[in-house]
Amino acid sequence: MMFDILVYLFENYFEANLHPDQSTLERELSAAGFDSSEINQAFDWLNDLDKLSLAPYPESMLDSTSTRFYSDVEMKKIDAESRGFLTFLEVSDIINPVQREWVIDRILALNDRDVDLEQVKWIVLIVLWSQGQAEDYLFMEEMLFGDSTPQMH
């Protein structure tokens, strides 16, 4: 599954700040038993994440306090718990509205029919890491691997 490849790459390379070339990664992923089409989809997913950082967004969007309404397609793929989690991260200033949109874009790019909260957490973690936000990344890592989940009050 493509998502498993993203987690594998994050745990084995990104977090350790290792940057092997794509052909080396492809060989290792194949040796680990991943399907070549899924490997290519994962690389495309990561390349598209890089392209998002180059996309122009209005400067005012970074500080926007407007409420995000989800489309029908987004609501079918992202459950209420995951949407609530994204709202929590945004009101807690862990992610900004632009990063929220990147997370939603990357969720929609997964080939899974629907996405659970753990997958959303991983995607947020990868987006934050790609943006070089170490302290927010550490918070998300604790949320993924720690024993507690913060609650909105």
N, C-alpha and C. Protein backbone atom coordinates (compact mmCIF):
# COMPACT_ATOMS: atom_id res chain seq x y z
N MET A 1 0.84 -1.17 0.00
CA MET A 1 0.00 0.00 0.00
C MET A 1 0.89 1.25 0.00
N MET A 2 0.52 2.23 -0.80
CA MET A 2 1.33 3.43 -0.95
C MET A 2 1.57 4.12 0.39
N PHE A 3 0.55 4.20 1.24
CA PHE A 3 0.71 4.88 2.52
C PHE A 3 1.79 4.22 3.38
N ASP A 4 1.85 2.90 3.36
CA ASP A 4 2.88 2.18 4.11
C ASP A 4 4.28 2.55 3.62
N ILE A 5 4.41 2.80 2.34
CA ILE A 5 5.70 3.21 1.79
C ILE A 5 6.08 4.59 2.33
N LEU A 6 5.12 5.51 2.38
CA LEU A 6 5.40 6.85 2.91
C LEU A 6 5.87 6.78 4.36
N VAL A 7 5.21 5.97 5.17
CA VAL A 7 5.61 5.81 6.57
C VAL A 7 6.99 5.18 6.65
N TYR A 8 7.23 4.16 5.84
CA TYR A 8 8.54 3.50 5.81
C TYR A 8 9.64 4.49 5.47
N LEU A 9 9.42 5.30 4.43
CA LEU A 9 10.43 6.29 4.03
C LEU A 9 10.66 7.31 5.14
N PHE A 10 9.58 7.73 5.77
CA PHE A 10 9.72 8.73 6.83
C PHE A 10 10.53 8.16 7.99
N GLU A 11 10.16 6.98 8.44
CA GLU A 11 10.83 6.38 9.59
C GLU A 11 12.29 6.03 9.32
N ASN A 12 12.60 5.63 8.09
CA ASN A 12 13.95 5.15 7.79
C ASN A 12 14.88 6.19 7.17
N TYR A 13 14.31 7.24 6.58
CA TYR A 13 15.17 8.19 5.87
C TYR A 13 14.93 9.64 6.28
N PHE A 14 13.70 10.09 6.17
CA PHE A 14 13.43 11.51 6.40
C PHE A 14 13.78 11.93 7.81
N GLU A 15 13.32 11.17 8.78
CA GLU A 15 13.54 11.51 10.18
C GLU A 15 15.04 11.54 10.50
N ALA A 16 15.81 10.67 9.87
CA ALA A 16 17.25 10.62 10.09
C ALA A 16 17.99 11.60 9.19
N ASN A 17 17.23 12.33 8.36
CA ASN A 17 17.78 13.32 7.44
C ASN A 17 18.74 12.69 6.43
N LEU A 18 18.41 11.48 5.99
CA LEU A 18 19.19 10.80 4.96
C LEU A 18 18.54 11.06 3.60
N HIS A 19 19.35 11.22 2.57
CA HIS A 19 18.83 11.56 1.25
C HIS A 19 19.40 10.67 0.16
N PRO A 20 19.11 9.36 0.19
CA PRO A 20 19.60 8.51 -0.90
C PRO A 20 18.85 8.86 -2.20
N ASP A 21 19.46 8.55 -3.33
CA ASP A 21 18.81 8.85 -4.60
C ASP A 21 17.61 7.92 -4.81
N GLN A 22 16.76 8.32 -5.75
CA GLN A 22 15.50 7.60 -5.95
C GLN A 22 15.72 6.16 -6.39
N SER A 23 16.71 5.90 -7.22
CA SER A 23 16.92 4.51 -7.66
C SER A 23 17.36 3.61 -6.51
N THR A 24 18.16 4.15 -5.59
CA THR A 24 18.56 3.39 -4.40
C THR A 24 17.33 3.08 -3.55
N LEU A 25 16.48 4.09 -3.37
CA LEU A 25 15.26 3.89 -2.58
C LEU A 25 14.34 2.87 -3.26
N GLU A 26 14.21 2.95 -4.57
CA GLU A 26 13.36 2.01 -5.30
C GLU A 26 13.84 0.57 -5.09
N ARG A 27 15.15 0.36 -5.18
CA ARG A 27 15.69 -0.99 -4.97
C ARG A 27 15.41 -1.48 -3.55
N GLU A 28 15.63 -0.61 -2.57
CA GLU A 28 15.40 -1.02 -1.19
C GLU A 28 13.92 -1.31 -0.93
N LEU A 29 13.06 -0.46 -1.46
CA LEU A 29 11.62 -0.68 -1.26
C LEU A 29 11.16 -1.96 -1.94
N SER A 30 11.69 -2.24 -3.13
CA SER A 30 11.36 -3.51 -3.81
C SER A 30 11.85 -4.69 -3.00
N ALA A 31 13.05 -4.58 -2.46
CA ALA A 31 13.61 -5.66 -1.64
C ALA A 31 12.79 -5.85 -0.37
N ALA A 32 12.17 -4.78 0.12
CA ALA A 32 11.33 -4.87 1.32
C ALA A 32 9.95 -5.44 1.00
N GLY A 33 9.68 -5.69 -0.30
CA GLY A 33 8.43 -6.34 -0.68
C GLY A 33 7.35 -5.40 -1.20
N PHE A 34 7.67 -4.13 -1.41
CA PHE A 34 6.68 -3.20 -1.93
C PHE A 34 6.56 -3.33 -3.44
N ASP A 35 5.36 -3.16 -3.95
CA ASP A 35 5.05 -3.24 -5.38
C ASP A 35 5.58 -2.00 -6.11
N SER A 36 6.13 -2.19 -7.31
CA SER A 36 6.74 -1.08 -8.04
C SER A 36 5.74 0.03 -8.38
N SER A 37 4.50 -0.31 -8.69
CA SER A 37 3.52 0.75 -8.99
C SER A 37 3.20 1.57 -7.73
N GLU A 38 3.15 0.90 -6.59
CA GLU A 38 2.92 1.62 -5.32
C GLU A 38 4.12 2.49 -4.97
N ILE A 39 5.32 2.01 -5.27
CA ILE A 39 6.53 2.79 -5.02
C ILE A 39 6.49 4.07 -5.86
N ASN A 40 6.14 3.93 -7.13
CA ASN A 40 6.06 5.11 -8.01
C ASN A 40 4.99 6.08 -7.54
N GLN A 41 3.87 5.56 -7.08
CA GLN A 41 2.81 6.44 -6.56
C GLN A 41 3.29 7.20 -5.32
N ALA A 42 4.04 6.54 -4.47
CA ALA A 42 4.56 7.21 -3.27
C ALA A 42 5.54 8.32 -3.65
N PHE A 43 6.41 8.05 -4.61
CA PHE A 43 7.34 9.09 -5.07
C PHE A 43 6.58 10.27 -5.70
N ASP A 44 5.55 9.96 -6.48
CA ASP A 44 4.73 11.03 -7.06
C ASP A 44 4.07 11.86 -5.96
N TRP A 45 3.56 11.19 -4.92
CA TRP A 45 2.91 11.86 -3.80
C TRP A 45 3.90 12.83 -3.13
N LEU A 46 5.12 12.36 -2.89
CA LEU A 46 6.14 13.21 -2.26
C LEU A 46 6.58 14.35 -3.17
N ASN A 47 6.72 14.08 -4.47
CA ASN A 47 7.08 15.14 -5.41
C ASN A 47 6.00 16.20 -5.49
N ASP A 48 4.75 15.78 -5.44
CA ASP A 48 3.64 16.74 -5.45
C ASP A 48 3.61 17.57 -4.17
N LEU A 49 4.02 16.99 -3.05
CA LEU A 49 4.13 17.75 -1.80
C LEU A 49 5.17 18.85 -1.97
N ASP A 50 6.29 18.52 -2.59
CA ASP A 50 7.32 19.54 -2.84
C ASP A 50 6.79 20.66 -3.73
N LYS A 51 5.99 20.30 -4.72
CA LYS A 51 5.42 21.31 -5.63
C LYS A 51 4.46 22.25 -4.90
N LEU A 52 3.77 21.75 -3.87
CA LEU A 52 2.85 22.60 -3.12
C LEU A 52 3.56 23.80 -2.49
N SER A 53 4.78 23.59 -2.06
CA SER A 53 5.51 24.69 -1.41
C SER A 53 5.87 25.78 -2.41
N LEU A 54 5.82 25.47 -3.69
CA LEU A 54 6.12 26.46 -4.73
C LEU A 54 4.86 27.19 -5.22
N ALA A 55 3.69 26.65 -4.86
CA ALA A 55 2.43 27.25 -5.31
C ALA A 55 2.19 28.59 -4.61
N PRO A 56 1.71 29.58 -5.36
CA PRO A 56 1.45 30.88 -4.73
C PRO A 56 0.15 30.85 -3.90
N TYR A 57 0.25 31.34 -2.69
CA TYR A 57 -0.92 31.50 -1.82
C TYR A 57 -0.96 32.96 -1.39
N PRO A 58 -2.15 33.52 -1.25
CA PRO A 58 -2.23 34.90 -0.77
C PRO A 58 -1.60 35.00 0.63
N GLU A 59 -0.80 36.03 0.83
CA GLU A 59 -0.13 36.23 2.13
C GLU A 59 -1.14 36.25 3.26
N SER A 60 -2.32 36.81 3.01
CA SER A 60 -3.35 36.91 4.05
C SER A 60 -3.86 35.55 4.50
N MET A 61 -3.68 34.51 3.68
CA MET A 61 -4.17 33.19 4.06
C MET A 61 -3.42 32.61 5.25
N LEU A 62 -2.15 32.98 5.41
CA LEU A 62 -1.36 32.45 6.52
C LEU A 62 -1.97 32.80 7.87
N ASP A 63 -2.57 33.96 7.98
CA ASP A 63 -3.13 34.42 9.25
C ASP A 63 -4.66 34.38 9.28
N SER A 64 -5.26 33.71 8.34
CA SER A 64 -6.71 33.67 8.24
C SER A 64 -7.33 33.01 9.48
N THR A 65 -8.43 33.55 9.93
CA THR A 65 -9.17 32.95 11.04
C THR A 65 -10.54 32.47 10.58
N SER A 66 -10.72 32.37 9.27
CA SER A 66 -12.00 31.93 8.74
C SER A 66 -12.20 30.43 9.01
N THR A 67 -13.42 30.00 8.95
CA THR A 67 -13.76 28.60 9.17
C THR A 67 -13.66 27.84 7.85
N ARG A 68 -13.05 26.68 7.88
CA ARG A 68 -12.89 25.85 6.68
C ARG A 68 -14.11 24.95 6.55
N PHE A 69 -14.80 25.04 5.42
CA PHE A 69 -15.89 24.14 5.12
C PHE A 69 -15.38 23.11 4.13
N TYR A 70 -15.71 21.85 4.38
CA TYR A 70 -15.23 20.76 3.54
C TYR A 70 -16.23 20.43 2.45
N SER A 71 -15.72 20.10 1.26
CA SER A 71 -16.57 19.68 0.16
C SER A 71 -17.11 18.28 0.43
N ASP A 72 -18.08 17.86 -0.35
CA ASP A 72 -18.63 16.51 -0.20
C ASP A 72 -17.55 15.45 -0.39
N VAL A 73 -16.69 15.64 -1.39
CA VAL A 73 -15.60 14.69 -1.66
C VAL A 73 -14.67 14.61 -0.45
N GLU A 74 -14.31 15.76 0.10
CA GLU A 74 -13.43 15.78 1.26
C GLU A 74 -14.08 15.12 2.47
N MET A 75 -15.36 15.38 2.68
CA MET A 75 -16.05 14.79 3.83
C MET A 75 -16.18 13.28 3.70
N LYS A 76 -16.29 12.77 2.48
CA LYS A 76 -16.36 11.32 2.29
C LYS A 76 -15.02 10.65 2.61
N LYS A 77 -13.94 11.33 2.31
CA LYS A 77 -12.61 10.74 2.48
C LYS A 77 -12.05 10.99 3.88
N ILE A 78 -12.37 12.15 4.47
CA ILE A 78 -11.81 12.54 5.77
C ILE A 78 -12.94 12.50 6.80
N ASP A 79 -12.87 11.57 7.74
CA ASP A 79 -13.95 11.43 8.72
C ASP A 79 -14.00 12.61 9.70
N ALA A 80 -15.09 12.68 10.46
CA ALA A 80 -15.32 13.80 11.39
C ALA A 80 -14.21 13.91 12.43
N GLU A 81 -13.72 12.78 12.92
CA GLU A 81 -12.65 12.81 13.92
C GLU A 81 -11.38 13.45 13.35
N SER A 82 -11.06 13.11 12.13
CA SER A 82 -9.86 13.66 11.47
C SER A 82 -10.04 15.14 11.15
N ARG A 83 -11.22 15.54 10.72
CA ARG A 83 -11.48 16.96 10.46
C ARG A 83 -11.38 17.75 11.76
N GLY A 84 -11.90 17.19 12.85
CA GLY A 84 -11.78 17.84 14.15
C GLY A 84 -10.34 17.96 14.60
N PHE A 85 -9.54 16.95 14.30
CA PHE A 85 -8.13 16.98 14.64
C PHE A 85 -7.41 18.09 13.88
N LEU A 86 -7.72 18.23 12.59
CA LEU A 86 -7.11 19.31 11.80
C LEU A 86 -7.51 20.68 12.35
N THR A 87 -8.77 20.81 12.76
CA THR A 87 -9.22 22.07 13.37
C THR A 87 -8.46 22.32 14.66
N PHE A 88 -8.29 21.30 15.48
CA PHE A 88 -7.53 21.42 16.73
C PHE A 88 -6.12 21.92 16.45
N LEU A 89 -5.45 21.31 15.47
CA LEU A 89 -4.08 21.72 15.14
C LEU A 89 -4.02 23.17 14.67
N GLU A 90 -5.03 23.56 13.93
CA GLU A 90 -5.03 24.94 13.41
C GLU A 90 -5.30 25.96 14.51
N VAL A 91 -6.30 25.72 15.36
CA VAL A 91 -6.59 26.69 16.42
C VAL A 91 -5.49 26.69 17.49
N SER A 92 -4.71 25.61 17.55
CA SER A 92 -3.58 25.54 18.48
C SER A 92 -2.30 26.10 17.87
N ASP A 93 -2.38 26.62 16.65
CA ASP A 93 -1.23 27.18 15.93
C ASP A 93 -0.12 26.17 15.68
N ILE A 94 -0.50 24.91 15.53
CA ILE A 94 0.46 23.87 15.15
C ILE A 94 0.63 23.91 13.63
N ILE A 95 -0.48 24.09 12.92
CA ILE A 95 -0.44 24.27 11.48
C ILE A 95 -1.16 25.57 11.15
N ASN A 96 -0.80 26.17 10.02
CA ASN A 96 -1.51 27.37 9.57
C ASN A 96 -2.48 26.96 8.46
N PRO A 97 -3.34 27.87 8.01
CA PRO A 97 -4.32 27.49 6.98
C PRO A 97 -3.70 26.96 5.69
N VAL A 98 -2.55 27.46 5.29
CA VAL A 98 -1.89 26.95 4.08
C VAL A 98 -1.46 25.50 4.30
N GLN A 99 -0.84 25.23 5.44
CA GLN A 99 -0.42 23.85 5.74
C GLN A 99 -1.63 22.93 5.84
N ARG A 100 -2.72 23.42 6.39
CA ARG A 100 -3.96 22.62 6.44
C ARG A 100 -4.37 22.22 5.03
N GLU A 101 -4.30 23.17 4.10
CA GLU A 101 -4.67 22.87 2.72
C GLU A 101 -3.72 21.86 2.09
N TRP A 102 -2.44 21.94 2.43
CA TRP A 102 -1.48 20.96 1.93
C TRP A 102 -1.82 19.58 2.47
N VAL A 103 -2.16 19.51 3.76
CA VAL A 103 -2.54 18.22 4.37
C VAL A 103 -3.77 17.66 3.66
N ILE A 104 -4.78 18.49 3.46
CA ILE A 104 -6.00 18.03 2.79
C ILE A 104 -5.69 17.57 1.37
N ASP A 105 -4.87 18.33 0.66
CA ASP A 105 -4.47 17.94 -0.69
C ASP A 105 -3.79 16.58 -0.69
N ARG A 106 -2.88 16.35 0.25
CA ARG A 106 -2.16 15.08 0.30
C ARG A 106 -3.07 13.94 0.76
N ILE A 107 -4.06 14.22 1.61
CA ILE A 107 -5.04 13.19 1.98
C ILE A 107 -5.82 12.76 0.75
N LEU A 108 -6.28 13.75 -0.01
CA LEU A 108 -7.07 13.43 -1.20
C LEU A 108 -6.24 12.70 -2.25
N ALA A 109 -4.93 12.89 -2.23
CA ALA A 109 -4.05 12.22 -3.20
C ALA A 109 -3.77 10.76 -2.85
N LEU A 110 -4.12 10.34 -1.64
CA LEU A 110 -3.94 8.93 -1.28
C LEU A 110 -4.92 8.09 -2.08
N ASN A 111 -4.51 6.88 -2.43
CA ASN A 111 -5.40 6.03 -3.20
C ASN A 111 -6.37 5.23 -2.33
N ASP A 112 -6.41 5.51 -1.04
CA ASP A 112 -7.37 4.86 -0.14
C ASP A 112 -8.74 5.53 -0.29
N ARG A 113 -9.80 4.77 -0.11
CA ARG A 113 -11.15 5.34 -0.21
C ARG A 113 -11.42 6.34 0.90
N ASP A 114 -11.08 5.97 2.12
CA ASP A 114 -11.21 6.89 3.24
C ASP A 114 -9.95 6.79 4.08
N VAL A 115 -9.74 7.79 4.89
CA VAL A 115 -8.49 7.92 5.62
C VAL A 115 -8.83 8.02 7.10
N ASP A 116 -8.07 7.30 7.95
CA ASP A 116 -8.34 7.35 9.38
C ASP A 116 -7.44 8.38 10.07
N LEU A 117 -7.70 8.58 11.34
CA LEU A 117 -6.99 9.59 12.12
C LEU A 117 -5.48 9.33 12.15
N GLU A 118 -5.06 8.09 12.29
CA GLU A 118 -3.63 7.80 12.33
C GLU A 118 -2.96 8.22 11.03
N GLN A 119 -3.60 7.95 9.90
CA GLN A 119 -3.04 8.36 8.61
C GLN A 119 -2.95 9.88 8.51
N VAL A 120 -3.97 10.57 8.99
CA VAL A 120 -3.96 12.04 8.98
C VAL A 120 -2.79 12.56 9.82
N LYS A 121 -2.58 11.95 10.98
CA LYS A 121 -1.46 12.37 11.83
C LYS A 121 -0.13 12.19 11.10
N TRP A 122 0.03 11.07 10.41
CA TRP A 122 1.26 10.84 9.66
C TRP A 122 1.44 11.88 8.56
N ILE A 123 0.35 12.18 7.87
CA ILE A 123 0.44 13.17 6.79
C ILE A 123 0.81 14.54 7.35
N VAL A 124 0.21 14.92 8.48
CA VAL A 124 0.58 16.19 9.11
C VAL A 124 2.06 16.17 9.48
N LEU A 125 2.51 15.07 10.03
CA LEU A 125 3.91 14.93 10.41
C LEU A 125 4.84 15.10 9.20
N ILE A 126 4.50 14.47 8.10
CA ILE A 126 5.32 14.57 6.89
C ILE A 126 5.29 16.00 6.34
N VAL A 127 4.12 16.65 6.34
CA VAL A 127 4.03 18.03 5.86
C VAL A 127 4.87 18.95 6.73
N LEU A 128 4.75 18.82 8.06
CA LEU A 128 5.54 19.67 8.95
C LEU A 128 7.03 19.42 8.76
N TRP A 129 7.43 18.17 8.64
CA TRP A 129 8.83 17.86 8.42
C TRP A 129 9.31 18.50 7.12
N SER A 130 8.49 18.41 6.07
CA SER A 130 8.89 18.96 4.77
C SER A 130 9.06 20.47 4.82
N GLN A 131 8.41 21.10 5.79
CA GLN A 131 8.50 22.55 5.96
C GLN A 131 9.57 22.96 6.96
N GLY A 132 10.26 21.97 7.54
CA GLY A 132 11.35 22.26 8.48
C GLY A 132 10.89 22.83 9.80
N GLN A 133 9.70 22.46 10.24
CA GLN A 133 9.17 22.95 11.51
C GLN A 133 9.45 21.94 12.61
N ALA A 134 10.66 21.94 13.12
CA ALA A 134 11.13 20.91 14.04
C ALA A 134 10.30 20.84 15.31
N GLU A 135 10.00 21.96 15.95
CA GLU A 135 9.27 21.90 17.23
C GLU A 135 7.85 21.39 17.03
N ASP A 136 7.19 21.78 15.94
CA ASP A 136 5.85 21.27 15.67
C ASP A 136 5.91 19.81 15.28
N TYR A 137 6.95 19.45 14.56
CA TYR A 137 7.17 18.06 14.18
C TYR A 137 7.30 17.19 15.43
N LEU A 138 8.06 17.65 16.43
CA LEU A 138 8.24 16.89 17.66
C LEU A 138 6.92 16.72 18.41
N PHE A 139 6.08 17.77 18.41
CA PHE A 139 4.76 17.68 19.02
C PHE A 139 3.93 16.59 18.33
N MET A 140 3.95 16.59 17.00
CA MET A 140 3.19 15.59 16.26
C MET A 140 3.74 14.19 16.49
N GLU A 141 5.04 14.09 16.55
CA GLU A 141 5.64 12.78 16.81
C GLU A 141 5.19 12.23 18.16
N GLU A 142 5.13 13.10 19.17
CA GLU A 142 4.65 12.68 20.49
C GLU A 142 3.19 12.24 20.42
N MET A 143 2.40 12.94 19.60
CA MET A 143 0.99 12.57 19.45
C MET A 143 0.84 11.21 18.77
N LEU A 144 1.74 10.91 17.83
CA LEU A 144 1.67 9.62 17.15
C LEU A 144 2.15 8.48 18.02
N PHE A 145 3.25 8.71 18.71
CA PHE A 145 3.89 7.61 19.42
C PHE A 145 3.71 7.67 20.93
N GLY A 146 3.21 8.79 21.45
CA GLY A 146 2.99 8.94 22.88
C GLY A 146 1.72 8.24 23.33
N ASP A 147 1.47 8.31 24.62
CA ASP A 147 0.32 7.62 25.19
C ASP A 147 -0.94 8.47 25.24
N SER A 148 -0.82 9.79 25.05
CA SER A 148 -2.00 10.64 25.22
C SER A 148 -2.31 11.41 23.95
N THR A 149 -3.57 11.76 23.81
CA THR A 149 -4.04 12.59 22.72
C THR A 149 -4.64 13.84 23.32
N PRO A 150 -4.22 15.03 22.88
CA PRO A 150 -4.79 16.25 23.45
C PRO A 150 -6.27 16.37 23.14
N GLN A 151 -6.98 17.02 24.00
CA GLN A 151 -8.41 17.19 23.86
C GLN A 151 -8.75 18.65 23.64
N MET A 152 -9.72 18.92 22.78
CA MET A 152 -10.22 20.29 22.62
C MET A 152 -11.22 20.55 23.73
N HIS A 153 -11.16 21.72 24.31
CA HIS A 153 -12.10 22.07 25.37
C HIS A 153 -12.96 23.22 24.95
